[in-house]
Amino acid sequence: MSNEATPTKFATFLKDKKVDPRRIITASNKLESLQPDDRGIRLGKRQARKSEDKKPVTDAKKPRSGRPITPRALDAALTGKSVSGPTKTRFVRAINAVLEQKKLEKIDIRALF
C-alpha cells in the first residue's frame, strides 16, 4: 500500500491552497536565517554565562533558530513520515508567510498535521 493512494493532510492542504513547496523552503530560509541582531542576542547570553558576577540578560526578543526547513523535511511531511515538533512549527511559520503574501488567512498547526 503506497502513500500516493492516501495523500497526507499536509499535502492536501498545499494542493487546496495552491502553494508550491519550493516557496515554503524559500520563505523558511528568509524567516529562520540568523540576522546580525540574532547573533548579538546569542553573544550577550554567552557573555552573561561566562561572567559570574553579572545577572543573566533577559531579552524581550527571542533569536531566530537559524535552522530553516530542508528539502528532506519537506519530503518527509509530504509523504507522511515523522516530523519533529520544532520542524512542524517552522512549517507553520513558513506557510503563514506564503499565505500572507497570497492574502489568505493564517493557519495553525492542527490544520497541517
Protein backbone atom coordinates (compact mmCIF):
# COMPACT_ATOMS: atom_id res chain seq x y z
CA MET A 1 0.00 0.00 0.00
CA SER A 2 1.68 3.24 -1.12
CA ASN A 3 1.32 6.72 0.31
CA GLU A 4 0.32 8.06 -3.10
CA ALA A 5 -3.13 6.49 -2.72
CA THR A 6 -3.79 8.40 0.52
CA PRO A 7 -2.29 11.90 0.48
CA THR A 8 -1.33 13.36 3.84
CA LYS A 9 -3.18 16.21 5.48
CA PHE A 10 -0.17 18.44 4.75
CA ALA A 11 -0.04 17.53 1.03
CA THR A 12 -3.80 18.01 0.69
CA PHE A 13 -3.57 21.45 2.32
CA LEU A 14 -0.82 22.56 -0.06
CA LYS A 15 -2.80 21.36 -3.07
CA ASP A 16 -6.03 23.06 -1.89
CA LYS A 17 -4.31 26.39 -1.24
CA LYS A 18 -2.16 26.08 -4.40
CA VAL A 19 1.10 26.56 -2.50
CA ASP A 20 4.28 25.46 -4.25
CA PRO A 21 6.56 23.50 -1.87
CA ARG A 22 9.58 25.41 -3.18
CA ARG A 23 8.05 28.64 -1.85
CA ILE A 24 7.87 27.10 1.62
CA ILE A 25 11.59 26.36 1.60
CA THR A 26 12.39 29.88 0.36
CA ALA A 27 10.13 31.51 2.95
CA SER A 28 11.64 29.40 5.71
CA ASN A 29 15.17 30.36 4.67
CA LYS A 30 14.19 34.02 4.85
CA LEU A 31 12.41 33.70 8.20
CA GLU A 32 14.77 31.40 10.05
CA SER A 33 18.22 32.51 8.87
CA LEU A 34 20.29 34.25 11.51
CA GLN A 35 20.47 38.03 11.28
CA PRO A 36 23.07 40.30 12.94
CA ASP A 37 20.69 41.18 15.80
CA ASP A 38 20.12 37.45 16.48
CA ARG A 39 23.85 36.91 16.68
CA GLY A 40 24.05 39.84 19.11
CA ILE A 41 21.42 38.26 21.36
CA ARG A 42 23.33 34.97 21.36
CA LEU A 43 26.59 36.79 22.11
CA GLY A 44 25.01 38.60 25.05
CA LYS A 45 23.72 35.35 26.53
CA ARG A 46 27.08 33.65 26.05
CA GLN A 47 28.93 36.52 27.73
CA ALA A 48 26.45 36.57 30.61
CA ARG A 49 27.06 32.86 31.22
CA LYS A 50 30.83 33.35 31.30
CA SER A 51 30.81 36.25 33.75
CA GLU A 52 29.79 35.04 37.20
CA ASP A 53 29.18 38.37 38.91
CA LYS A 54 26.58 39.72 36.49
CA LYS A 55 22.97 38.66 36.41
CA PRO A 56 21.68 36.89 33.26
CA VAL A 57 20.47 39.08 30.43
CA THR A 58 16.76 38.75 29.72
CA ASP A 59 15.92 39.83 26.19
CA ALA A 60 12.38 40.68 25.17
CA LYS A 61 13.05 39.32 21.69
CA LYS A 62 13.86 35.68 21.05
CA PRO A 63 16.51 34.98 18.40
CA ARG A 64 15.69 33.01 15.26
CA SER A 65 16.58 29.36 15.26
CA GLY A 66 18.96 29.55 12.32
CA ARG A 67 17.58 26.24 11.06
CA PRO A 68 15.29 26.58 8.05
CA ILE A 69 13.17 23.81 6.57
CA THR A 70 15.21 21.42 4.47
CA PRO A 71 14.04 19.62 1.32
CA ARG A 72 14.37 16.38 3.27
CA ALA A 73 11.98 17.62 5.98
CA LEU A 74 9.56 18.82 3.31
CA ASP A 75 9.64 15.42 1.62
CA ALA A 76 9.01 13.70 4.97
CA ALA A 77 5.99 15.92 5.64
CA LEU A 78 4.56 15.36 2.16
CA THR A 79 4.91 11.58 2.34
CA GLY A 80 3.63 11.18 5.89
CA LYS A 81 6.86 10.31 7.68
CA SER A 82 7.52 11.56 11.19
CA VAL A 83 8.45 15.23 11.59
CA SER A 84 9.72 16.74 14.84
CA GLY A 85 7.78 19.35 16.77
CA PRO A 86 10.13 22.28 16.11
CA THR A 87 10.13 21.45 12.40
CA LYS A 88 6.32 21.47 12.40
CA THR A 89 6.43 24.94 13.95
CA ARG A 90 8.84 26.10 11.22
CA PHE A 91 6.43 24.73 8.60
CA VAL A 92 3.58 26.73 10.12
CA ARG A 93 5.63 29.95 10.17
CA ALA A 94 6.75 29.49 6.56
CA ILE A 95 3.29 28.58 5.27
CA ASN A 96 1.73 31.52 7.10
CA ALA A 97 4.26 33.82 5.42
CA VAL A 98 3.33 32.39 2.00
CA LEU A 99 -0.40 32.64 2.76
CA GLU A 100 0.06 36.24 3.88
CA GLN A 101 1.62 37.05 0.50
CA LYS A 102 -1.40 35.46 -1.19
CA LYS A 103 -3.70 37.50 1.10
CA LEU A 104 -5.20 34.37 2.65
CA GLU A 105 -5.89 33.81 6.33
CA LYS A 106 -3.27 32.29 8.61
CA ILE A 107 -3.49 28.72 9.85
CA ASP A 108 -2.44 26.85 12.99
CA ILE A 109 -0.51 23.63 13.40
CA ARG A 110 -3.65 21.47 13.67
CA ALA A 111 -4.61 22.38 10.10
CA LEU A 112 -1.40 20.83 8.77
CA PHE A 113 -0.52 17.81 10.91
